[in-house]
PDB file of N, CA and C in Angstrom:
ATOM      1  N   MET A   1     -53.574  40.395 -32.981  1.00  0.00           N
ATOM      2  CA  MET A   1     -53.999  40.178 -34.518  1.00  0.00           C
ATOM      3  C   MET A   1     -55.680  39.962 -34.609  1.00  0.00           C
ATOM      4  N   LEU A   2     -55.793  40.377 -35.800  1.00  0.00           N
ATOM      5  CA  LEU A   2     -57.551  40.283 -36.020  1.00  0.00           C
ATOM      6  C   LEU A   2     -57.830  39.875 -37.418  1.00  0.00           C
ATOM      7  N   ASN A   3     -58.772  38.780 -37.302  1.00  0.00           N
ATOM      8  CA  ASN A   3     -59.176  38.250 -38.554  1.00  0.00           C
ATOM      9  C   ASN A   3     -60.482  38.793 -38.900  1.00  0.00           C
ATOM     10  N   ILE A   4     -60.705  39.183 -40.200  1.00  0.00           N
ATOM     11  CA  ILE A   4     -62.062  39.867 -40.464  1.00  0.00           C
ATOM     12  C   ILE A   4     -62.690  39.034 -41.553  1.00  0.00           C
ATOM     13  N   ASN A   5     -63.833  38.665 -41.249  1.00  0.00           N
ATOM     14  CA  ASN A   5     -64.292  37.669 -42.496  1.00  0.00           C
ATOM     15  C   ASN A   5     -65.699  38.486 -42.980  1.00  0.00           C
ATOM     16  N   LYS A   6     -65.982  38.724 -44.285  1.00  0.00           N
ATOM     17  CA  LYS A   6     -67.203  39.708 -44.541  1.00  0.00           C
ATOM     18  C   LYS A   6     -68.106  38.820 -45.293  1.00  0.00           C
ATOM     19  N   ASN A   7     -69.136  38.525 -45.161  1.00  0.00           N
ATOM     20  CA  ASN A   7     -70.327  37.729 -46.249  1.00  0.00           C
ATOM     21  C   ASN A   7     -71.536  38.641 -46.306  1.00  0.00           C
ATOM     22  N   ALA A   8     -71.401  39.283 -47.657  1.00  0.00           N
ATOM     23  CA  ALA A   8     -72.511  40.010 -48.055  1.00  0.00           C
ATOM     24  C   ALA A   8     -73.545  39.366 -49.030  1.00  0.00           C
ATOM     25  N   ALA A   9     -74.659  39.816 -48.886  1.00  0.00           N
ATOM     26  CA  ALA A   9     -75.744  39.207 -49.317  1.00  0.00           C
ATOM     27  C   ALA A   9     -76.890  40.164 -49.584  1.00  0.00           C
ATOM     28  N   GLY A  10     -76.976  40.698 -51.043  1.00  0.00           N
ATOM     29  CA  GLY A  10     -77.863  42.018 -51.309  1.00  0.00           C
ATOM     30  C   GLY A  10     -77.450  43.099 -50.265  1.00  0.00           C
ATOM     31  N   SER A  11     -78.318  43.682 -49.586  1.00  0.00           N
ATOM     32  CA  SER A  11     -78.032  44.945 -48.766  1.00  0.00           C
ATOM     33  C   SER A  11     -77.473  44.535 -47.205  1.00  0.00           C
ATOM     34  N   ASN A  12     -77.352  43.077 -46.864  1.00  0.00           N
ATOM     35  CA  ASN A  12     -76.905  42.593 -45.710  1.00  0.00           C
ATOM     36  C   ASN A  12     -75.490  42.342 -45.612  1.00  0.00           C
ATOM     37  N   LEU A  13     -74.820  42.912 -44.644  1.00  0.00           N
ATOM     38  CA  LEU A  13     -73.413  42.517 -44.593  1.00  0.00           C
ATOM     39  C   LEU A  13     -73.147  41.967 -43.286  1.00  0.00           C
ATOM     40  N   THR A  14     -72.449  40.753 -43.069  1.00  0.00           N
ATOM     41  CA  THR A  14     -72.149  40.085 -41.773  1.00  0.00           C
ATOM     42  C   THR A  14     -70.805  40.442 -41.739  1.00  0.00           C
ATOM     43  N   VAL A  15     -69.889  41.004 -40.750  1.00  0.00           N
ATOM     44  CA  VAL A  15     -68.753  41.121 -40.214  1.00  0.00           C
ATOM     45  C   VAL A  15     -68.460  40.357 -39.225  1.00  0.00           C
ATOM     46  N   SER A  16     -67.429  39.430 -39.340  1.00  0.00           N
ATOM     47  CA  SER A  16     -67.185  38.143 -38.010  1.00  0.00           C
ATOM     48  C   SER A  16     -65.632  38.801 -37.877  1.00  0.00           C
ATOM     49  N   LEU A  17     -65.433  39.065 -36.502  1.00  0.00           N
ATOM     50  CA  LEU A  17     -64.075  39.096 -36.255  1.00  0.00           C
ATOM     51  C   LEU A  17     -63.606  38.298 -34.916  1.00  0.00           C
ATOM     52  N   GLU A  18     -62.554  37.846 -35.563  1.00  0.00           N
ATOM     53  CA  GLU A  18     -61.564  36.876 -34.621  1.00  0.00           C
ATOM     54  C   GLU A  18     -60.266  37.437 -34.186  1.00  0.00           C
ATOM     55  N   GLY A  19     -60.126  37.465 -32.716  1.00  0.00           N
ATOM     56  CA  GLY A  19     -58.969  37.961 -32.128  1.00  0.00           C
ATOM     57  C   GLY A  19     -59.189  39.005 -31.337  1.00  0.00           C
ATOM     58  N   ARG A  20     -58.249  40.159 -31.292  1.00  0.00           N
ATOM     59  CA  ARG A  20     -58.321  41.414 -30.532  1.00  0.00           C
ATOM     60  C   ARG A  20     -58.544  42.658 -31.495  1.00  0.00           C
ATOM     61  N   LEU A  21     -59.783  43.265 -30.958  1.00  0.00           N
ATOM     62  CA  LEU A  21     -59.870  44.727 -31.468  1.00  0.00           C
ATOM     63  C   LEU A  21     -59.352  45.528 -30.664  1.00  0.00           C
ATOM     64  N   ASP A  22     -58.099  46.062 -30.897  1.00  0.00           N
ATOM     65  CA  ASP A  22     -57.517  47.273 -30.095  1.00  0.00           C
ATOM     66  C   ASP A  22     -56.968  48.337 -30.848  1.00  0.00           C
ATOM     67  N   THR A  23     -55.985  48.905 -30.243  1.00  0.00           N
ATOM     68  CA  THR A  23     -55.314  50.059 -31.068  1.00  0.00           C
ATOM     69  C   THR A  23     -54.675  49.754 -32.411  1.00  0.00           C
ATOM     70  N   THR A  24     -54.104  48.340 -32.254  1.00  0.00           N
ATOM     71  CA  THR A  24     -53.251  48.119 -33.348  1.00  0.00           C
ATOM     72  C   THR A  24     -54.245  47.715 -34.742  1.00  0.00           C
ATOM     73  N   THR A  25     -55.426  46.922 -34.410  1.00  0.00           N
ATOM     74  CA  THR A  25     -56.132  46.243 -35.060  1.00  0.00           C
ATOM     75  C   THR A  25     -57.449  46.998 -35.618  1.00  0.00           C
ATOM     76  N   ALA A  26     -57.725  48.064 -34.760  1.00  0.00           N
ATOM     77  CA  ALA A  26     -59.205  48.977 -34.997  1.00  0.00           C
ATOM     78  C   ALA A  26     -58.814  49.753 -36.298  1.00  0.00           C
ATOM     79  N   PRO A  27     -57.761  50.207 -36.703  1.00  0.00           N
ATOM     80  CA  PRO A  27     -57.874  50.925 -37.893  1.00  0.00           C
ATOM     81  C   PRO A  27     -58.064  50.160 -39.258  1.00  0.00           C
ATOM     82  N   GLN A  28     -57.495  48.525 -39.017  1.00  0.00           N
ATOM     83  CA  GLN A  28     -57.929  47.659 -40.119  1.00  0.00           C
ATOM     84  C   GLN A  28     -59.494  47.453 -40.147  1.00  0.00           C
ATOM     85  N   LEU A  29     -60.101  47.428 -39.142  1.00  0.00           N
ATOM     86  CA  LEU A  29     -61.541  47.259 -38.964  1.00  0.00           C
ATOM     87  C   LEU A  29     -62.142  48.341 -39.780  1.00  0.00           C
ATOM     88  N   GLU A  30     -61.731  49.564 -39.358  1.00  0.00           N
ATOM     89  CA  GLU A  30     -62.376  50.887 -39.894  1.00  0.00           C
ATOM     90  C   GLU A  30     -62.279  50.974 -41.237  1.00  0.00           C
ATOM     91  N   GLU A  31     -61.047  50.645 -41.901  1.00  0.00           N
ATOM     92  CA  GLU A  31     -60.919  50.771 -43.347  1.00  0.00           C
ATOM     93  C   GLU A  31     -61.782  49.581 -43.934  1.00  0.00           C
ATOM     94  N   GLU A  32     -62.140  48.391 -43.748  1.00  0.00           N
ATOM     95  CA  GLU A  32     -62.713  47.504 -44.203  1.00  0.00           C
ATOM     96  C   GLU A  32     -64.225  47.744 -43.992  1.00  0.00           C
ATOM     97  N   LEU A  33     -64.377  48.586 -43.157  1.00  0.00           N
ATOM     98  CA  LEU A  33     -66.255  48.896 -42.973  1.00  0.00           C
ATOM     99  C   LEU A  33     -66.400  50.176 -43.656  1.00  0.00           C
ATOM    100  N   LYS A  34     -65.432  51.127 -43.961  1.00  0.00           N
ATOM    101  CA  LYS A  34     -65.323  52.288 -44.817  1.00  0.00           C
ATOM    102  C   LYS A  34     -65.719  51.898 -46.186  1.00  0.00           C
ATOM    103  N   SER A  35     -64.942  50.749 -46.607  1.00  0.00           N
ATOM    104  CA  SER A  35     -65.540  50.520 -47.748  1.00  0.00           C
ATOM    105  C   SER A  35     -66.246  49.605 -48.187  1.00  0.00           C
ATOM    106  N   SER A  36     -67.143  49.167 -47.089  1.00  0.00           N
ATOM    107  CA  SER A  36     -68.072  48.036 -47.501  1.00  0.00           C
ATOM    108  C   SER A  36     -69.431  48.459 -47.022  1.00  0.00           C
ATOM    109  N   LEU A  37     -69.671  49.563 -46.259  1.00  0.00           N
ATOM    110  CA  LEU A  37     -71.022  50.089 -46.084  1.00  0.00           C
ATOM    111  C   LEU A  37     -71.817  50.803 -47.031  1.00  0.00           C
ATOM    112  N   ASP A  38     -71.544  50.912 -48.375  1.00  0.00           N
ATOM    113  CA  ASP A  38     -72.041  51.510 -49.066  1.00  0.00           C
ATOM    114  C   ASP A  38     -73.587  50.682 -49.563  1.00  0.00           C
ATOM    115  N   GLY A  39     -74.658  51.172 -49.563  1.00  0.00           N
ATOM    116  CA  GLY A  39     -75.417  50.422 -49.734  1.00  0.00           C
ATOM    117  C   GLY A  39     -76.093  49.093 -48.884  1.00  0.00           C
ATOM    118  N   VAL A  40     -75.370  49.147 -47.662  1.00  0.00           N
ATOM    119  CA  VAL A  40     -75.753  48.173 -46.617  1.00  0.00           C
ATOM    120  C   VAL A  40     -76.871  48.846 -45.658  1.00  0.00           C
ATOM    121  N   THR A  41     -77.789  48.130 -45.750  1.00  0.00           N
ATOM    122  CA  THR A  41     -79.079  48.420 -44.730  1.00  0.00           C
ATOM    123  C   THR A  41     -79.026  47.689 -43.321  1.00  0.00           C
ATOM    124  N   ASP A  42     -78.426  46.263 -43.466  1.00  0.00           N
ATOM    125  CA  ASP A  42     -78.517  45.345 -42.404  1.00  0.00           C
ATOM    126  C   ASP A  42     -76.906  45.191 -42.077  1.00  0.00           C
ATOM    127  N   LEU A  43     -76.401  45.489 -41.091  1.00  0.00           N
ATOM    128  CA  LEU A  43     -75.077  45.355 -40.795  1.00  0.00           C
ATOM    129  C   LEU A  43     -75.069  44.483 -39.470  1.00  0.00           C
ATOM    130  N   VAL A  44     -74.604  43.158 -39.462  1.00  0.00           N
ATOM    131  CA  VAL A  44     -74.217  42.304 -38.376  1.00  0.00           C
ATOM    132  C   VAL A  44     -72.696  42.219 -38.055  1.00  0.00           C
ATOM    133  N   ILE A  45     -72.475  42.493 -36.690  1.00  0.00           N
ATOM    134  CA  ILE A  45     -70.832  42.457 -36.436  1.00  0.00           C
ATOM    135  C   ILE A  45     -70.997  41.328 -35.531  1.00  0.00           C
ATOM    136  N   ASP A  46     -70.478  40.162 -35.923  1.00  0.00           N
ATOM    137  CA  ASP A  46     -70.362  38.979 -35.058  1.00  0.00           C
ATOM    138  C   ASP A  46     -68.896  38.936 -33.961  1.00  0.00           C
ATOM    139  N   ILE A  47     -69.104  39.124 -32.844  1.00  0.00           N
ATOM    140  CA  ILE A  47     -67.925  39.023 -32.170  1.00  0.00           C
ATOM    141  C   ILE A  47     -67.710  37.704 -31.431  1.00  0.00           C
ATOM    142  N   LYS A  48     -68.337  36.773 -31.530  1.00  0.00           N
ATOM    143  CA  LYS A  48     -68.254  35.520 -30.846  1.00  0.00           C
ATOM    144  C   LYS A  48     -66.529  35.267 -30.451  1.00  0.00           C
ATOM    145  N   ASP A  49     -65.844  35.446 -31.421  1.00  0.00           N
ATOM    146  CA  ASP A  49     -64.319  35.016 -31.400  1.00  0.00           C
ATOM    147  C   ASP A  49     -63.455  36.196 -31.208  1.00  0.00           C
ATOM    148  N   THR A  50     -63.988  37.243 -30.773  1.00  0.00           N
ATOM    149  CA  THR A  50     -63.385  38.668 -30.277  1.00  0.00           C
ATOM    150  C   THR A  50     -62.947  38.222 -28.514  1.00  0.00           C
ATOM    151  N   GLN A  51     -61.737  38.291 -28.173  1.00  0.00           N
ATOM    152  CA  GLN A  51     -61.351  38.101 -26.909  1.00  0.00           C
ATOM    153  C   GLN A  51     -61.207  39.489 -26.104  1.00  0.00           C
ATOM    154  N   TYR A  52     -61.029  40.768 -26.787  1.00  0.00           N
ATOM    155  CA  TYR A  52     -60.689  42.006 -26.158  1.00  0.00           C
ATOM    156  C   TYR A  52     -61.131  42.983 -27.254  1.00  0.00           C
ATOM    157  N   ILE A  53     -61.858  44.070 -26.458  1.00  0.00           N
ATOM    158  CA  ILE A  53     -61.936  45.263 -27.363  1.00  0.00           C
ATOM    159  C   ILE A  53     -61.525  46.323 -26.447  1.00  0.00           C
ATOM    160  N   SER A  54     -60.727  47.437 -26.975  1.00  0.00           N
ATOM    161  CA  SER A  54     -60.184  48.657 -26.202  1.00  0.00           C
ATOM    162  C   SER A  54     -60.834  49.683 -26.933  1.00  0.00           C
ATOM    163  N   SER A  55     -60.737  50.789 -26.162  1.00  0.00           N
ATOM    164  CA  SER A  55     -61.342  52.154 -26.570  1.00  0.00           C
ATOM    165  C   SER A  55     -61.365  52.547 -28.038  1.00  0.00           C
ATOM    166  N   ALA A  56     -60.173  52.176 -28.637  1.00  0.00           N
ATOM    167  CA  ALA A  56     -60.092  52.509 -29.931  1.00  0.00           C
ATOM    168  C   ALA A  56     -60.860  51.369 -30.835  1.00  0.00           C
ATOM    169  N   GLY A  57     -61.409  50.109 -30.393  1.00  0.00           N
ATOM    170  CA  GLY A  57     -62.128  49.229 -30.977  1.00  0.00           C
ATOM    171  C   GLY A  57     -63.714  49.892 -30.792  1.00  0.00           C
ATOM    172  N   LEU A  58     -63.945  50.295 -29.335  1.00  0.00           N
ATOM    173  CA  LEU A  58     -65.408  50.964 -29.225  1.00  0.00           C
ATOM    174  C   LEU A  58     -65.370  52.015 -30.130  1.00  0.00           C
ATOM    175  N   ARG A  59     -64.659  52.766 -30.487  1.00  0.00           N
ATOM    176  CA  ARG A  59     -64.667  53.990 -31.375  1.00  0.00           C
ATOM    177  C   ARG A  59     -65.197  53.761 -32.822  1.00  0.00           C
ATOM    178  N   VAL A  60     -64.551  52.609 -33.326  1.00  0.00           N
ATOM    179  CA  VAL A  60     -64.866  51.933 -34.769  1.00  0.00           C
ATOM    180  C   VAL A  60     -66.126  51.571 -34.560  1.00  0.00           C
ATOM    181  N   LEU A  61     -66.914  50.535 -33.516  1.00  0.00           N
ATOM    182  CA  LEU A  61     -68.051  50.491 -33.720  1.00  0.00           C
ATOM    183  C   LEU A  61     -69.025  51.466 -33.276  1.00  0.00           C
ATOM    184  N   LEU A  62     -68.639  52.511 -32.653  1.00  0.00           N
ATOM    185  CA  LEU A  62     -69.545  53.805 -32.774  1.00  0.00           C
ATOM    186  C   LEU A  62     -69.696  54.505 -33.976  1.00  0.00           C
ATOM    187  N   SER A  63     -68.498  54.669 -34.485  1.00  0.00           N
ATOM    188  CA  SER A  63     -68.590  55.065 -35.733  1.00  0.00           C
ATOM    189  C   SER A  63     -69.346  54.324 -36.871  1.00  0.00           C
ATOM    190  N   ALA A  64     -69.246  53.133 -36.906  1.00  0.00           N
ATOM    191  CA  ALA A  64     -70.186  52.222 -37.846  1.00  0.00           C
ATOM    192  C   ALA A  64     -71.591  52.512 -37.641  1.00  0.00           C
ATOM    193  N   GLN A  65     -71.941  52.592 -36.276  1.00  0.00           N
ATOM    194  CA  GLN A  65     -73.149  52.879 -35.617  1.00  0.00           C
ATOM    195  C   GLN A  65     -73.838  53.947 -36.082  1.00  0.00           C
ATOM    196  N   LYS A  66     -73.277  55.131 -36.103  1.00  0.00           N
ATOM    197  CA  LYS A  66     -73.726  56.371 -36.562  1.00  0.00           C
ATOM    198  C   LYS A  66     -73.688  56.406 -38.012  1.00  0.00           C
ATOM    199  N   THR A  67     -73.062  55.845 -38.922  1.00  0.00           N
ATOM    200  CA  THR A  67     -73.084  55.575 -40.142  1.00  0.00           C
ATOM    201  C   THR A  67     -74.712  54.683 -40.619  1.00  0.00           C
ATOM    202  N   MET A  68     -74.734  53.618 -39.698  1.00  0.00           N
ATOM    203  CA  MET A  68     -76.065  52.665 -40.092  1.00  0.00           C
ATOM    204  C   MET A  68     -77.083  53.365 -39.405  1.00  0.00           C
ATOM    205  N   ASN A  69     -77.174  54.307 -38.457  1.00  0.00           N
ATOM    206  CA  ASN A  69     -78.280  55.020 -38.140  1.00  0.00           C
ATOM    207  C   ASN A  69     -78.825  55.904 -39.413  1.00  0.00           C
ATOM    208  N   LYS A  70     -77.995  56.112 -40.168  1.00  0.00           N
ATOM    209  CA  LYS A  70     -78.396  57.002 -41.426  1.00  0.00           C
ATOM    210  C   LYS A  70     -79.086  56.075 -42.475  1.00  0.00           C
ATOM    211  N   GLN A  71     -78.504  54.761 -42.587  1.00  0.00           N
ATOM    212  CA  GLN A  71     -79.212  53.817 -43.854  1.00  0.00           C
ATOM    213  C   GLN A  71     -79.639  52.584 -43.201  1.00  0.00           C
ATOM    214  N   GLY A  72     -79.668  52.493 -42.001  1.00  0.00           N
ATOM    215  CA  GLY A  72     -80.416  51.086 -41.822  1.00  0.00           C
ATOM    216  C   GLY A  72     -80.131  50.854 -40.423  1.00  0.00           C
ATOM    217  N   LYS A  73     -79.700  49.369 -40.072  1.00  0.00           N
ATOM    218  CA  LYS A  73     -79.462  49.095 -38.652  1.00  0.00           C
ATOM    219  C   LYS A  73     -78.177  48.174 -38.620  1.00  0.00           C
ATOM    220  N   MET A  74     -77.684  48.212 -37.257  1.00  0.00           N
ATOM    221  CA  MET A  74     -76.495  47.414 -37.043  1.00  0.00           C
ATOM    222  C   MET A  74     -76.695  46.557 -35.556  1.00  0.00           C
ATOM    223  N   VAL A  75     -76.420  45.321 -35.791  1.00  0.00           N
ATOM    224  CA  VAL A  75     -76.556  44.552 -34.789  1.00  0.00           C
ATOM    225  C   VAL A  75     -75.123  43.986 -34.228  1.00  0.00           C
ATOM    226  N   VAL A  76     -74.796  44.004 -33.066  1.00  0.00           N
ATOM    227  CA  VAL A  76     -73.311  43.317 -32.593  1.00  0.00           C
ATOM    228  C   VAL A  76     -74.046  42.043 -31.879  1.00  0.00           C
ATOM    229  N   LYS A  77     -73.587  40.927 -32.470  1.00  0.00           N
ATOM    230  CA  LYS A  77     -73.886  39.657 -31.983  1.00  0.00           C
ATOM    231  C   LYS A  77     -72.898  38.829 -31.173  1.00  0.00           C
ATOM    232  N   ASN A  78     -73.122  37.844 -30.275  1.00  0.00           N
ATOM    233  CA  ASN A  78     -72.423  37.136 -29.484  1.00  0.00           C
ATOM    234  C   ASN A  78     -71.079  37.429 -28.801  1.00  0.00           C
ATOM    235  N   PRO A  79     -71.150  38.648 -28.373  1.00  0.00           N
ATOM    236  CA  PRO A  79     -70.234  39.073 -27.297  1.00  0.00           C
ATOM    237  C   PRO A  79     -69.964  38.036 -26.084  1.00  0.00           C
ATOM    238  N   SER A  80     -68.490  37.645 -25.930  1.00  0.00           N
ATOM    239  CA  SER A  80     -68.241  36.870 -24.691  1.00  0.00           C
ATOM    240  C   SER A  80     -68.537  37.533 -23.344  1.00  0.00           C
ATOM    241  N   GLU A  81     -68.521  36.993 -22.176  1.00  0.00           N
ATOM    242  CA  GLU A  81     -68.738  37.600 -20.965  1.00  0.00           C
ATOM    243  C   GLU A  81     -67.847  38.911 -20.910  1.00  0.00           C
ATOM    244  N   GLU A  82     -66.418  38.850 -21.053  1.00  0.00           N
ATOM    245  CA  GLU A  82     -65.490  39.852 -20.856  1.00  0.00           C
ATOM    246  C   GLU A  82     -65.813  41.095 -21.541  1.00  0.00           C
ATOM    247  N   VAL A  83     -66.069  40.895 -23.050  1.00  0.00           N
ATOM    248  CA  VAL A  83     -66.836  41.690 -23.737  1.00  0.00           C
ATOM    249  C   VAL A  83     -67.784  42.716 -23.419  1.00  0.00           C
ATOM    250  N   LYS A  84     -68.967  41.673 -22.974  1.00  0.00           N
ATOM    251  CA  LYS A  84     -70.126  42.122 -22.402  1.00  0.00           C
ATOM    252  C   LYS A  84     -69.966  43.169 -21.343  1.00  0.00           C
ATOM    253  N   GLU A  85     -68.967  42.913 -20.456  1.00  0.00           N
ATOM    254  CA  GLU A  85     -68.549  43.570 -19.193  1.00  0.00           C
ATOM    255  C   GLU A  85     -68.167  45.070 -19.835  1.00  0.00           C
ATOM    256  N   ILE A  86     -67.094  44.861 -20.916  1.00  0.00           N
ATOM    257  CA  ILE A  86     -66.618  46.393 -21.357  1.00  0.00           C
ATOM    258  C   ILE A  86     -67.786  47.146 -21.891  1.00  0.00           C
ATOM    259  N   PHE A  87     -68.496  46.704 -22.661  1.00  0.00           N
ATOM    260  CA  PHE A  87     -69.631  47.241 -23.231  1.00  0.00           C
ATOM    261  C   PHE A  87     -70.604  48.021 -22.065  1.00  0.00           C
ATOM    262  N   ASP A  88     -70.843  47.224 -20.794  1.00  0.00           N
ATOM    263  CA  ASP A  88     -71.503  47.618 -19.571  1.00  0.00           C
ATOM    264  C   ASP A  88     -70.923  48.896 -19.189  1.00  0.00           C
ATOM    265  N   VAL A  89     -69.557  48.571 -18.690  1.00  0.00           N
ATOM    266  CA  VAL A  89     -68.911  49.556 -18.252  1.00  0.00           C
ATOM    267  C   VAL A  89     -68.771  50.694 -19.027  1.00  0.00           C
ATOM    268  N   THR A  90     -68.766  50.851 -20.137  1.00  0.00           N
ATOM    269  CA  THR A  90     -68.583  52.051 -20.916  1.00  0.00           C
ATOM    270  C   THR A  90     -69.891  52.831 -21.434  1.00  0.00           C
ATOM    271  N   GLY A  91     -70.899  52.201 -20.958  1.00  0.00           N
ATOM    272  CA  GLY A  91     -72.122  52.637 -21.476  1.00  0.00           C
ATOM    273  C   GLY A  91     -72.629  52.287 -22.735  1.00  0.00           C
ATOM    274  N   PHE A  92     -71.606  51.218 -23.639  1.00  0.00           N
ATOM    275  CA  PHE A  92     -71.929  51.088 -25.029  1.00  0.00           C
ATOM    276  C   PHE A  92     -73.172  49.995 -25.030  1.00  0.00           C
ATOM    277  N   SER A  93     -73.891  49.451 -24.005  1.00  0.00           N
ATOM    278  CA  SER A  93     -74.869  48.563 -24.136  1.00  0.00           C
ATOM    279  C   SER A  93     -75.896  49.407 -24.181  1.00  0.00           C
ATOM    280  N   ASP A  94     -76.016  50.759 -23.857  1.00  0.00           N
ATOM    281  CA  ASP A  94     -77.265  51.221 -24.201  1.00  0.00           C
ATOM    282  C   ASP A  94     -77.217  52.093 -25.528  1.00  0.00           C
ATOM    283  N   ILE A  95     -76.079  52.217 -26.458  1.00  0.00           N
ATOM    284  CA  ILE A  95     -75.807  52.561 -27.651  1.00  0.00           C
ATOM    285  C   ILE A  95     -76.036  51.685 -28.626  1.00  0.00           C
ATOM    286  N   LEU A  96     -75.326  50.509 -28.634  1.00  0.00           N
ATOM    287  CA  LEU A  96     -75.495  49.492 -29.618  1.00  0.00           C
ATOM    288  C   LEU A  96     -76.383  48.592 -29.332  1.00  0.00           C
ATOM    289  N   THR A  97     -77.024  47.781 -30.363  1.00  0.00           N
ATOM    290  CA  THR A  97     -77.935  46.949 -30.167  1.00  0.00           C
ATOM    291  C   THR A  97     -77.151  45.648 -30.524  1.00  0.00           C
ATOM    292  N   ILE A  98     -77.141  44.850 -29.084  1.00  0.00           N
ATOM    293  CA  ILE A  98     -76.349  43.688 -28.661  1.00  0.00           C
ATOM    294  C   ILE A  98     -77.212  42.673 -28.754  1.00  0.00           C
ATOM    295  N   GLU A  99     -76.840  41.450 -29.241  1.00  0.00           N
ATOM    296  CA  GLU A  99     -77.581  40.071 -28.953  1.00  0.00           C
ATOM    297  C   GLU A  99     -76.712  39.052 -28.853  1.00  0.00           C
TER     298      GLU A  99
END
């Protein structure tokens, strides 16, 4: 299960994820982002409460990054050690801005 909380302020959008970002929940996040990114120049994805990210979840983050490259910037914040390791092993630490 994945809870998605969005907080928009002008052209800034913060998306907080809670739960697992996997094959089951990735489409949910993809839809939320697709419908929310118009006019956004600063996207923050806070994954402090995300326990796990699968390849499907990584694909959604990559897609969001590609969109944001054209219109602003994206930061992934607060990954757990486990999720940080997933980013490192997959090379996503080099693609995404992680804080």
